[in-house]
C-alpha cells in the first residue's frame, strides 16, 4: 500500500479535503523543487486554509441573500459624474461597520441605490462580516410569517444580531401596525451597536410619511437611523431605460446620458 492510499482515508476522516485535493500536485512540486518536508506540509496546510476560507465566503454570500451579484467594479461611476467617489471608496473600506454607523442611500428610481448597497454588502462579506439583504417588504413580511408560524423570536434575533443589515426600498410601501413596531424594535436594538444600510427613493426628510399608523414611532425610528449616519444622495437619470423600437436603435445607441449626482458628507 503506497502513502497516498494510506493518507486518503485519514484526510477524509479529518475533513481535510483541501489537502486531499492538492496532495498529488503538491507532492510533484515537492519532488521537482526539492522541498523540505516542512515546506511541503506548509503548502498543504495553506491549501486547506484557502479551501475553508472559500467555503466560509460561499456560506456568507448565501446567507446574505443578495438579489444579484452586484459589485463596486460593475458600478458605473461615469453615469454619475458629480458623485464624490472618495466617499464611496471610504464606505467600501467598511470602516462604518466598525463604527456601527448607519449608511443612508437616497435618490430617484434607477440611479443605482440597490447596486451600491449590495456592492458595499459584498465587500463586507469579503472582509468576513455576516450580512443580510432584504427589501422593506421582504423584511417585514418575513416577520409577519414568522409570527404566524411561531418562529418570530428566532427571526427577530437574527435581524438584530446579524453583522450588517441592508434594507432596500425603504418607504416604497406604507408601514402599518404591527410592522412599524417590528421595524422600530430592530433599529432600536441595533442603534450604536450594529450598522444598517438603508436605501430609499424618498429623501430622509420624507421618511416619516412611510409610517401610516404611528407617526411618533416613525419619528423615533428615523431619528436613530439618521444619528451619525453616512448619507449618499444619487441624483441622476434612471439606468432602466425602456427598450427602443428597432427603427430607433441607432439614435438611442448614439445618445449621450447627462445625469448628475451629489453626495452629502456624514451628518
C-alpha atoms as a PDB file:
ATOM      1  CA  UNK A   1       0.000   0.000   0.000  1.00  0.00           C
ATOM      2  CA  UNK A   2       1.513   3.352  -1.044  1.00  0.00           C
ATOM      3  CA  UNK A   3       1.469   6.538   1.030  1.00  0.00           C
ATOM      4  CA  UNK A   4      -1.383   8.117  -0.972  1.00  0.00           C
ATOM      5  CA  UNK A   5      -3.608   5.101  -0.369  1.00  0.00           C
ATOM      6  CA  UNK A   6      -2.993   5.376   3.364  1.00  0.00           C
ATOM      7  CA  UNK A   7      -3.353   9.162   3.520  1.00  0.00           C
ATOM      8  CA  UNK A   8      -6.610   9.467   1.577  1.00  0.00           C
ATOM      9  CA  UNK A   9      -8.983   7.880   4.156  1.00  0.00           C
ATOM     10  CA  UNK A  10      -7.197   9.648   7.009  1.00  0.00           C
ATOM     11  CA  UNK A  11      -7.551  13.061   5.361  1.00  0.00           C
ATOM     12  CA  UNK A  12     -11.215  12.315   4.664  1.00  0.00           C
ATOM     13  CA  UNK A  13     -11.768  11.339   8.295  1.00  0.00           C
ATOM     14  CA  UNK A  14     -10.139  14.582   9.449  1.00  0.00           C
ATOM     15  CA  UNK A  15     -12.189  16.521   6.866  1.00  0.00           C
ATOM     16  CA  UNK A  16      -9.060  17.917   5.247  1.00  0.00           C
ATOM     17  CA  UNK A  17     -10.355  17.853   1.685  1.00  0.00           C
ATOM     18  CA  UNK A  18      -8.299  20.912   0.784  1.00  0.00           C
ATOM     19  CA  UNK A  19      -5.161  18.889   1.419  1.00  0.00           C
ATOM     20  CA  UNK A  20      -6.632  15.867  -0.322  1.00  0.00           C
ATOM     21  CA  UNK A  21      -7.477  17.816  -3.473  1.00  0.00           C
ATOM     22  CA  UNK A  22      -3.959  19.224  -3.843  1.00  0.00           C
ATOM     23  CA  UNK A  23      -1.939  16.327  -2.419  1.00  0.00           C
ATOM     24  CA  UNK A  24      -0.872  14.886  -5.749  1.00  0.00           C
ATOM     25  CA  UNK A  25       0.090  18.275  -7.245  1.00  0.00           C
ATOM     26  CA  UNK A  26       1.948  19.354  -4.123  1.00  0.00           C
ATOM     27  CA  UNK A  27       3.790  16.044  -3.986  1.00  0.00           C
ATOM     28  CA  UNK A  28       5.018  16.502  -7.578  1.00  0.00           C
ATOM     29  CA  UNK A  29       6.016  20.082  -6.721  1.00  0.00           C
ATOM     30  CA  UNK A  30       7.964  18.893  -3.678  1.00  0.00           C
ATOM     31  CA  UNK A  31       9.889  16.384  -5.802  1.00  0.00           C
ATOM     32  CA  UNK A  32      10.579  18.857  -8.621  1.00  0.00           C
ATOM     33  CA  UNK A  33      11.614  21.740  -6.373  1.00  0.00           C
ATOM     34  CA  UNK A  34      13.334  19.593  -3.733  1.00  0.00           C
ATOM     35  CA  UNK A  35      11.151  20.985  -0.957  1.00  0.00           C
ATOM     36  CA  UNK A  36      11.886  20.177   2.652  1.00  0.00           C
ATOM     37  CA  UNK A  37       9.161  18.207   4.487  1.00  0.00           C
ATOM     38  CA  UNK A  38       8.172  21.297   6.463  1.00  0.00           C
ATOM     39  CA  UNK A  39       7.794  23.321   3.231  1.00  0.00           C
ATOM     40  CA  UNK A  40       5.662  20.572   1.717  1.00  0.00           C
ATOM     41  CA  UNK A  41       3.478  20.439   4.827  1.00  0.00           C
ATOM     42  CA  UNK A  42       3.158  24.239   4.874  1.00  0.00           C
ATOM     43  CA  UNK A  43       1.830  24.248   1.302  1.00  0.00           C
ATOM     44  CA  UNK A  44      -0.717  21.559   2.129  1.00  0.00           C
ATOM     45  CA  UNK A  45      -1.936  23.482   5.184  1.00  0.00           C
ATOM     46  CA  UNK A  46      -2.211  26.672   3.113  1.00  0.00           C
ATOM     47  CA  UNK A  47      -4.348  24.770   0.611  1.00  0.00           C
ATOM     48  CA  UNK A  48      -6.640  23.589   3.385  1.00  0.00           C
ATOM     49  CA  UNK A  49      -6.970  27.089   4.860  1.00  0.00           C
ATOM     50  CA  UNK A  50      -7.734  28.525   1.419  1.00  0.00           C
ATOM     51  CA  UNK A  51     -10.464  25.919   0.894  1.00  0.00           C
ATOM     52  CA  UNK A  52     -12.004  26.703   4.275  1.00  0.00           C
ATOM     53  CA  UNK A  53     -11.892  30.444   3.650  1.00  0.00           C
ATOM     54  CA  UNK A  54     -13.620  29.951   0.303  1.00  0.00           C
ATOM     55  CA  UNK A  55     -16.257  27.765   1.937  1.00  0.00           C
ATOM     56  CA  UNK A  56     -16.913  30.408   4.601  1.00  0.00           C
ATOM     57  CA  UNK A  57     -17.191  33.099   1.920  1.00  0.00           C
ATOM     58  CA  UNK A  58     -19.674  30.999  -0.049  1.00  0.00           C
ATOM     59  CA  UNK A  59     -21.767  30.414   3.069  1.00  0.00           C
ATOM     60  CA  UNK A  60     -21.783  34.119   4.000  1.00  0.00           C
ATOM     61  CA  UNK A  61     -22.855  35.053   0.469  1.00  0.00           C
ATOM     62  CA  UNK A  62     -25.671  32.507   0.634  1.00  0.00           C
ATOM     63  CA  UNK A  63     -26.893  33.825   3.982  1.00  0.00           C
ATOM     64  CA  UNK A  64     -26.656  37.416   2.759  1.00  0.00           C
ATOM     65  CA  UNK A  65     -29.422  36.703   0.207  1.00  0.00           C
ATOM     66  CA  UNK A  66     -28.281  39.391  -2.216  1.00  0.00           C
ATOM     67  CA  UNK A  67     -30.660  39.817  -5.129  1.00  0.00           C
ATOM     68  CA  UNK A  68     -27.786  39.860  -7.606  1.00  0.00           C
ATOM     69  CA  UNK A  69     -24.005  39.695  -7.729  1.00  0.00           C
ATOM     70  CA  UNK A  70     -23.567  43.470  -7.833  1.00  0.00           C
ATOM     71  CA  UNK A  71     -20.042  44.626  -7.035  1.00  0.00           C
ATOM     72  CA  UNK A  72     -18.338  48.002  -6.967  1.00  0.00           C
ATOM     73  CA  UNK A  73     -16.331  47.002 -10.057  1.00  0.00           C
ATOM     74  CA  UNK A  74     -19.611  46.926 -12.001  1.00  0.00           C
ATOM     75  CA  UNK A  75     -20.851  50.289 -10.715  1.00  0.00           C
ATOM     76  CA  UNK A  76     -20.986  52.935 -13.471  1.00  0.00           C
ATOM     77  CA  UNK A  77     -19.357  55.962 -11.880  1.00  0.00           C
ATOM     78  CA  UNK A  78     -19.235  57.661 -15.284  1.00  0.00           C
ATOM     79  CA  UNK A  79     -23.036  57.871 -15.287  1.00  0.00           C
ATOM     80  CA  UNK A  80     -22.828  59.959 -12.107  1.00  0.00           C
ATOM     81  CA  UNK A  81     -20.029  62.425 -12.884  1.00  0.00           C
ATOM     82  CA  UNK A  82     -20.679  64.631  -9.855  1.00  0.00           C
ATOM     83  CA  UNK A  83     -20.647  61.790  -7.359  1.00  0.00           C
ATOM     84  CA  UNK A  84     -17.910  62.126  -4.759  1.00  0.00           C
ATOM     85  CA  UNK A  85     -16.043  58.888  -5.364  1.00  0.00           C
ATOM     86  CA  UNK A  86     -13.880  59.306  -2.273  1.00  0.00           C
ATOM     87  CA  UNK A  87     -16.969  58.926  -0.074  1.00  0.00           C
ATOM     88  CA  UNK A  88     -17.942  55.714  -1.859  1.00  0.00           C
ATOM     89  CA  UNK A  89     -14.418  54.335  -1.639  1.00  0.00           C
ATOM     90  CA  UNK A  90     -14.406  55.137   2.082  1.00  0.00           C
ATOM     91  CA  UNK A  91     -17.628  53.156   2.521  1.00  0.00           C
ATOM     92  CA  UNK A  92     -16.047  50.283   0.601  1.00  0.00           C
ATOM     93  CA  UNK A  93     -13.381  50.025   3.304  1.00  0.00           C
ATOM     94  CA  UNK A  94     -16.276  49.072   5.626  1.00  0.00           C
ATOM     95  CA  UNK A  95     -14.937  51.387   8.301  1.00  0.00           C
ATOM     96  CA  UNK A  96     -18.552  52.262   9.049  1.00  0.00           C
ATOM     97  CA  UNK A  97     -19.086  48.654  10.174  1.00  0.00           C
ATOM     98  CA  UNK A  98     -16.519  49.037  12.938  1.00  0.00           C
ATOM     99  CA  UNK A  99     -18.114  52.383  13.832  1.00  0.00           C
ATOM    100  CA  UNK A 100     -21.604  50.797  13.957  1.00  0.00           C
ATOM    101  CA  UNK A 101     -22.768  53.732  11.842  1.00  0.00           C
ATOM    102  CA  UNK A 102     -25.831  53.767   9.559  1.00  0.00           C
ATOM    103  CA  UNK A 103     -25.471  54.408   5.820  1.00  0.00           C
ATOM    104  CA  UNK A 104     -28.433  56.098   4.117  1.00  0.00           C
ATOM    105  CA  UNK A 105     -28.532  55.993   0.308  1.00  0.00           C
ATOM    106  CA  UNK A 106     -31.285  58.005  -1.351  1.00  0.00           C
ATOM    107  CA  UNK A 107     -32.192  59.105  -4.856  1.00  0.00           C
ATOM    108  CA  UNK A 108     -34.685  58.647  -7.683  1.00  0.00           C
ATOM    109  CA  UNK A 109     -35.619  55.242  -9.043  1.00  0.00           C
ATOM    110  CA  UNK A 110     -32.950  53.560 -11.149  1.00  0.00           C
ATOM    111  CA  UNK A 111     -29.947  55.635 -10.109  1.00  0.00           C
ATOM    112  CA  UNK A 112     -28.010  52.721  -8.605  1.00  0.00           C
ATOM    113  CA  UNK A 113     -29.001  52.717  -4.931  1.00  0.00           C
ATOM    114  CA  UNK A 114     -29.591  48.966  -4.670  1.00  0.00           C
ATOM    115  CA  UNK A 115     -26.455  48.256  -6.702  1.00  0.00           C
ATOM    116  CA  UNK A 116     -24.348  50.415  -4.412  1.00  0.00           C
ATOM    117  CA  UNK A 117     -25.855  48.918  -1.245  1.00  0.00           C
ATOM    118  CA  UNK A 118     -25.214  45.378  -2.474  1.00  0.00           C
ATOM    119  CA  UNK A 119     -21.681  46.290  -3.574  1.00  0.00           C
ATOM    120  CA  UNK A 120     -20.896  47.550  -0.073  1.00  0.00           C
ATOM    121  CA  UNK A 121     -22.522  44.434   1.346  1.00  0.00           C
ATOM    122  CA  UNK A 122     -20.403  42.211  -0.883  1.00  0.00           C
ATOM    123  CA  UNK A 123     -17.279  43.964   0.324  1.00  0.00           C
ATOM    124  CA  UNK A 124     -18.343  43.451   3.937  1.00  0.00           C
ATOM    125  CA  UNK A 125     -18.823  39.731   3.220  1.00  0.00           C
ATOM    126  CA  UNK A 126     -15.340  39.561   1.714  1.00  0.00           C
ATOM    127  CA  UNK A 127     -13.974  41.091   4.893  1.00  0.00           C
ATOM    128  CA  UNK A 128     -15.581  38.370   6.983  1.00  0.00           C
ATOM    129  CA  UNK A 129     -18.770  40.104   8.150  1.00  0.00           C
ATOM    130  CA  UNK A 130     -22.164  38.405   8.167  1.00  0.00           C
ATOM    131  CA  UNK A 131     -24.632  40.397   6.057  1.00  0.00           C
ATOM    132  CA  UNK A 132     -28.354  40.123   5.389  1.00  0.00           C
ATOM    133  CA  UNK A 133     -30.032  41.949   2.486  1.00  0.00           C
ATOM    134  CA  UNK A 134     -33.788  42.383   2.036  1.00  0.00           C
ATOM    135  CA  UNK A 135     -36.268  44.917   0.774  1.00  0.00           C
ATOM    136  CA  UNK A 136     -38.506  46.570   3.347  1.00  0.00           C
ATOM    137  CA  UNK A 137     -41.426  44.442   2.163  1.00  0.00           C
ATOM    138  CA  UNK A 138     -39.440  41.204   2.367  1.00  0.00           C
ATOM    139  CA  UNK A 139     -38.062  42.042   5.796  1.00  0.00           C
ATOM    140  CA  UNK A 140     -41.374  42.960   7.404  1.00  0.00           C
ATOM    141  CA  UNK A 141     -43.267  40.245   5.535  1.00  0.00           C
ATOM    142  CA  UNK A 142     -40.877  37.603   6.855  1.00  0.00           C
ATOM    143  CA  UNK A 143     -41.585  38.779  10.410  1.00  0.00           C
ATOM    144  CA  UNK A 144     -45.339  38.561   9.816  1.00  0.00           C
ATOM    145  CA  UNK A 145     -44.955  34.982   8.587  1.00  0.00           C
ATOM    146  CA  UNK A 146     -42.602  34.175  11.454  1.00  0.00           C
ATOM    147  CA  UNK A 147     -45.181  35.428  13.964  1.00  0.00           C
ATOM    148  CA  UNK A 148     -47.806  33.123  12.457  1.00  0.00           C
ATOM    149  CA  UNK A 149     -45.506  30.100  12.360  1.00  0.00           C
ATOM    150  CA  UNK A 150     -44.150  30.512  15.880  1.00  0.00           C
ATOM    151  CA  UNK A 151     -40.548  31.421  14.978  1.00  0.00           C
ATOM    152  CA  UNK A 152     -40.871  35.178  15.451  1.00  0.00           C
ATOM    153  CA  UNK A 153     -38.324  35.430  18.273  1.00  0.00           C
ATOM    154  CA  UNK A 154     -35.720  33.488  16.320  1.00  0.00           C
ATOM    155  CA  UNK A 155     -36.230  35.608  13.214  1.00  0.00           C
ATOM    156  CA  UNK A 156     -36.089  38.837  15.186  1.00  0.00           C
ATOM    157  CA  UNK A 157     -32.917  37.723  16.926  1.00  0.00           C
ATOM    158  CA  UNK A 158     -31.223  37.099  13.580  1.00  0.00           C
ATOM    159  CA  UNK A 159     -32.192  40.539  12.232  1.00  0.00           C
ATOM    160  CA  UNK A 160     -30.955  42.244  15.377  1.00  0.00           C
ATOM    161  CA  UNK A 161     -27.678  40.342  15.643  1.00  0.00           C
ATOM    162  CA  UNK A 162     -26.505  39.996  12.029  1.00  0.00           C
ATOM    163  CA  UNK A 163     -23.274  41.906  11.457  1.00  0.00           C
ATOM    164  CA  UNK A 164     -24.643  44.206   8.729  1.00  0.00           C
ATOM    165  CA  UNK A 165     -28.331  44.624   7.867  1.00  0.00           C
ATOM    166  CA  UNK A 166     -29.239  46.109   4.468  1.00  0.00           C
ATOM    167  CA  UNK A 167     -32.829  47.349   3.999  1.00  0.00           C
ATOM    168  CA  UNK A 168     -33.605  48.170   0.374  1.00  0.00           C
ATOM    169  CA  UNK A 169     -36.510  50.269  -0.964  1.00  0.00           C
ATOM    170  CA  UNK A 170     -37.473  51.817   2.363  1.00  0.00           C
ATOM    171  CA  UNK A 171     -40.754  53.725   2.165  1.00  0.00           C
ATOM    172  CA  UNK A 172     -41.802  52.175  -1.130  1.00  0.00           C
ATOM    173  CA  UNK A 173     -44.891  50.802   0.646  1.00  0.00           C
ATOM    174  CA  UNK A 174     -46.679  52.147   3.754  1.00  0.00           C
ATOM    175  CA  UNK A 175     -45.601  50.626   7.057  1.00  0.00           C
ATOM    176  CA  UNK A 176     -48.603  49.727   9.187  1.00  0.00           C
ATOM    177  CA  UNK A 177     -49.055  48.219  12.631  1.00  0.00           C
ATOM    178  CA  UNK A 178     -47.621  45.875  13.863  1.00  0.00           C
ATOM    179  CA  UNK A 179     -44.864  46.056  11.253  1.00  0.00           C
ATOM    180  CA  UNK A 180     -43.938  49.576  12.327  1.00  0.00           C
ATOM    181  CA  UNK A 181     -43.270  48.237  15.810  1.00  0.00           C
ATOM    182  CA  UNK A 182     -41.208  45.382  14.359  1.00  0.00           C
ATOM    183  CA  UNK A 183     -39.044  47.797  12.399  1.00  0.00           C
ATOM    184  CA  UNK A 184     -38.601  50.097  15.362  1.00  0.00           C
ATOM    185  CA  UNK A 185     -37.527  47.191  17.567  1.00  0.00           C
ATOM    186  CA  UNK A 186     -34.870  46.154  15.050  1.00  0.00           C
ATOM    187  CA  UNK A 187     -33.484  49.660  14.562  1.00  0.00           C
ATOM    188  CA  UNK A 188     -33.596  50.487  18.273  1.00  0.00           C
ATOM    189  CA  UNK A 189     -31.779  47.266  19.172  1.00  0.00           C
ATOM    190  CA  UNK A 190     -29.082  47.881  16.547  1.00  0.00           C
ATOM    191  CA  UNK A 191     -28.692  51.586  17.381  1.00  0.00           C
ATOM    192  CA  UNK A 192     -24.995  52.334  18.025  1.00  0.00           C
ATOM    193  CA  UNK A 193     -24.394  48.569  18.278  1.00  0.00           C
ATOM    194  CA  UNK A 194     -24.607  47.244  14.722  1.00  0.00           C
ATOM    195  CA  UNK A 195     -24.583  49.005  11.329  1.00  0.00           C
ATOM    196  CA  UNK A 196     -27.528  49.337   8.950  1.00  0.00           C
ATOM    197  CA  UNK A 197     -27.644  50.351   5.287  1.00  0.00           C
ATOM    198  CA  UNK A 198     -30.961  51.789   4.083  1.00  0.00           C
ATOM    199  CA  UNK A 199     -31.857  52.759   0.519  1.00  0.00           C
ATOM    200  CA  UNK A 200     -34.895  54.796  -0.432  1.00  0.00           C
ATOM    201  CA  UNK A 201     -36.463  56.730  -3.286  1.00  0.00           C
ATOM    202  CA  UNK A 202     -37.571  59.275  -0.679  1.00  0.00           C
ATOM    203  CA  UNK A 203     -35.382  61.945   0.840  1.00  0.00           C
ATOM    204  CA  UNK A 204     -34.672  61.273   4.508  1.00  0.00           C
ATOM    205  CA  UNK A 205     -36.849  64.274   5.406  1.00  0.00           C
ATOM    206  CA  UNK A 206     -39.802  62.423   3.831  1.00  0.00           C
ATOM    207  CA  UNK A 207     -39.305  59.078   5.567  1.00  0.00           C
ATOM    208  CA  UNK A 208     -41.875  59.851   8.234  1.00  0.00           C
ATOM    209  CA  UNK A 209     -44.568  59.597   5.552  1.00  0.00           C
ATOM    210  CA  UNK A 210     -43.874  55.849   5.273  1.00  0.00           C
ATOM    211  CA  UNK A 211     -45.310  55.234   8.760  1.00  0.00           C
ATOM    212  CA  UNK A 212     -49.024  55.114   8.039  1.00  0.00           C
ATOM    213  CA  UNK A 213     -50.371  54.455  11.548  1.00  0.00           C
ATOM    214  CA  UNK A 214     -47.904  55.750  14.134  1.00  0.00           C
ATOM    215  CA  UNK A 215     -46.011  58.916  13.208  1.00  0.00           C
ATOM    216  CA  UNK A 216     -44.466  59.177  16.664  1.00  0.00           C
ATOM    217  CA  UNK A 217     -42.994  55.700  16.423  1.00  0.00           C
ATOM    218  CA  UNK A 218     -41.787  56.524  12.941  1.00  0.00           C
ATOM    219  CA  UNK A 219     -40.035  59.668  14.152  1.00  0.00           C
ATOM    220  CA  UNK A 220     -38.247  57.697  16.873  1.00  0.00           C
ATOM    221  CA  UNK A 221     -37.131  55.070  14.336  1.00  0.00           C
ATOM    222  CA  UNK A 222     -35.877  57.615  11.814  1.00  0.00           C
ATOM    223  CA  UNK A 223     -34.085  59.614  14.498  1.00  0.00           C
ATOM    224  CA  UNK A 224     -31.987  56.550  15.349  1.00  0.00           C
ATOM    225  CA  UNK A 225     -31.262  55.832  11.697  1.00  0.00           C
ATOM    226  CA  UNK A 226     -30.229  59.409  10.994  1.00  0.00           C
ATOM    227  CA  UNK A 227     -27.970  59.880  14.008  1.00  0.00           C
ATOM    228  CA  UNK A 228     -24.310  59.773  12.958  1.00  0.00           C
ATOM    229  CA  UNK A 229     -25.196  58.367   9.547  1.00  0.00           C
ATOM    230  CA  UNK A 230     -23.189  58.486   6.347  1.00  0.00           C
ATOM    231  CA  UNK A 231     -25.524  59.928   3.709  1.00  0.00           C
ATOM    232  CA  UNK A 232     -25.186  59.427  -0.026  1.00  0.00           C
ATOM    233  CA  UNK A 233     -27.598  61.094  -2.426  1.00  0.00           C
ATOM    234  CA  UNK A 234     -27.702  59.851  -6.019  1.00  0.00           C
ATOM    235  CA  UNK A 235     -29.361  62.435  -8.241  1.00  0.00           C
ATOM    236  CA  UNK A 236     -29.423  61.363 -11.847  1.00  0.00           C
ATOM    237  CA  UNK A 237     -31.356  59.732 -14.666  1.00  0.00           C
ATOM    238  CA  UNK A 238     -32.554  56.163 -14.330  1.00  0.00           C
ATOM    239  CA  UNK A 239     -30.403  53.351 -15.704  1.00  0.00           C
ATOM    240  CA  UNK A 240     -33.593  51.466 -16.534  1.00  0.00           C
ATOM    241  CA  UNK A 241     -34.241  52.858 -19.983  1.00  0.00           C
ATOM    242  CA  UNK A 242     -37.185  51.482 -21.991  1.00  0.00           C
ATOM    243  CA  UNK A 243     -36.300  49.178 -24.853  1.00  0.00           C
ATOM    244  CA  UNK A 244     -36.120  51.173 -28.064  1.00  0.00           C
ATOM    245  CA  UNK A 245     -38.073  50.283 -31.192  1.00  0.00           C
ATOM    246  CA  UNK A 246     -35.967  48.754 -33.949  1.00  0.00           C
ATOM    247  CA  UNK A 247     -36.028  51.884 -36.055  1.00  0.00           C
ATOM    248  CA  UNK A 248     -34.939  53.958 -33.080  1.00  0.00           C
ATOM    249  CA  UNK A 249     -31.997  51.809 -32.032  1.00  0.00           C
ATOM    250  CA  UNK A 250     -29.262  53.708 -33.937  1.00  0.00           C
ATOM    251  CA  UNK A 251     -30.387  57.021 -32.456  1.00  0.00           C
ATOM    252  CA  UNK A 252     -30.599  55.612 -28.949  1.00  0.00           C
ATOM    253  CA  UNK A 253     -27.196  53.984 -29.248  1.00  0.00           C
ATOM    254  CA  UNK A 254     -25.597  57.332 -30.105  1.00  0.00           C
ATOM    255  CA  UNK A 255     -27.441  59.311 -27.457  1.00  0.00           C
ATOM    256  CA  UNK A 256     -25.419  60.706 -24.572  1.00  0.00           C
ATOM    257  CA  UNK A 257     -26.536  60.454 -20.958  1.00  0.00           C
ATOM    258  CA  UNK A 258     -26.210  63.560 -18.867  1.00  0.00           C
ATOM    259  CA  UNK A 259     -27.190  62.501 -15.336  1.00  0.00           C
ATOM    260  CA  UNK A 260     -25.897  64.283 -12.283  1.00  0.00           C
ATOM    261  CA  UNK A 261     -25.335  63.192  -8.719  1.00  0.00           C
ATOM    262  CA  UNK A 262     -24.423  64.757  -5.436  1.00  0.00           C
ATOM    263  CA  UNK A 263     -23.086  63.263  -2.256  1.00  0.00           C
ATOM    264  CA  UNK A 264     -23.569  64.710   1.190  1.00  0.00           C
ATOM    265  CA  UNK A 265     -20.900  64.261   3.830  1.00  0.00           C
ATOM    266  CA  UNK A 266     -21.643  62.446   7.017  1.00  0.00           C
ATOM    267  CA  UNK A 267     -24.238  64.285   9.037  1.00  0.00           C
END
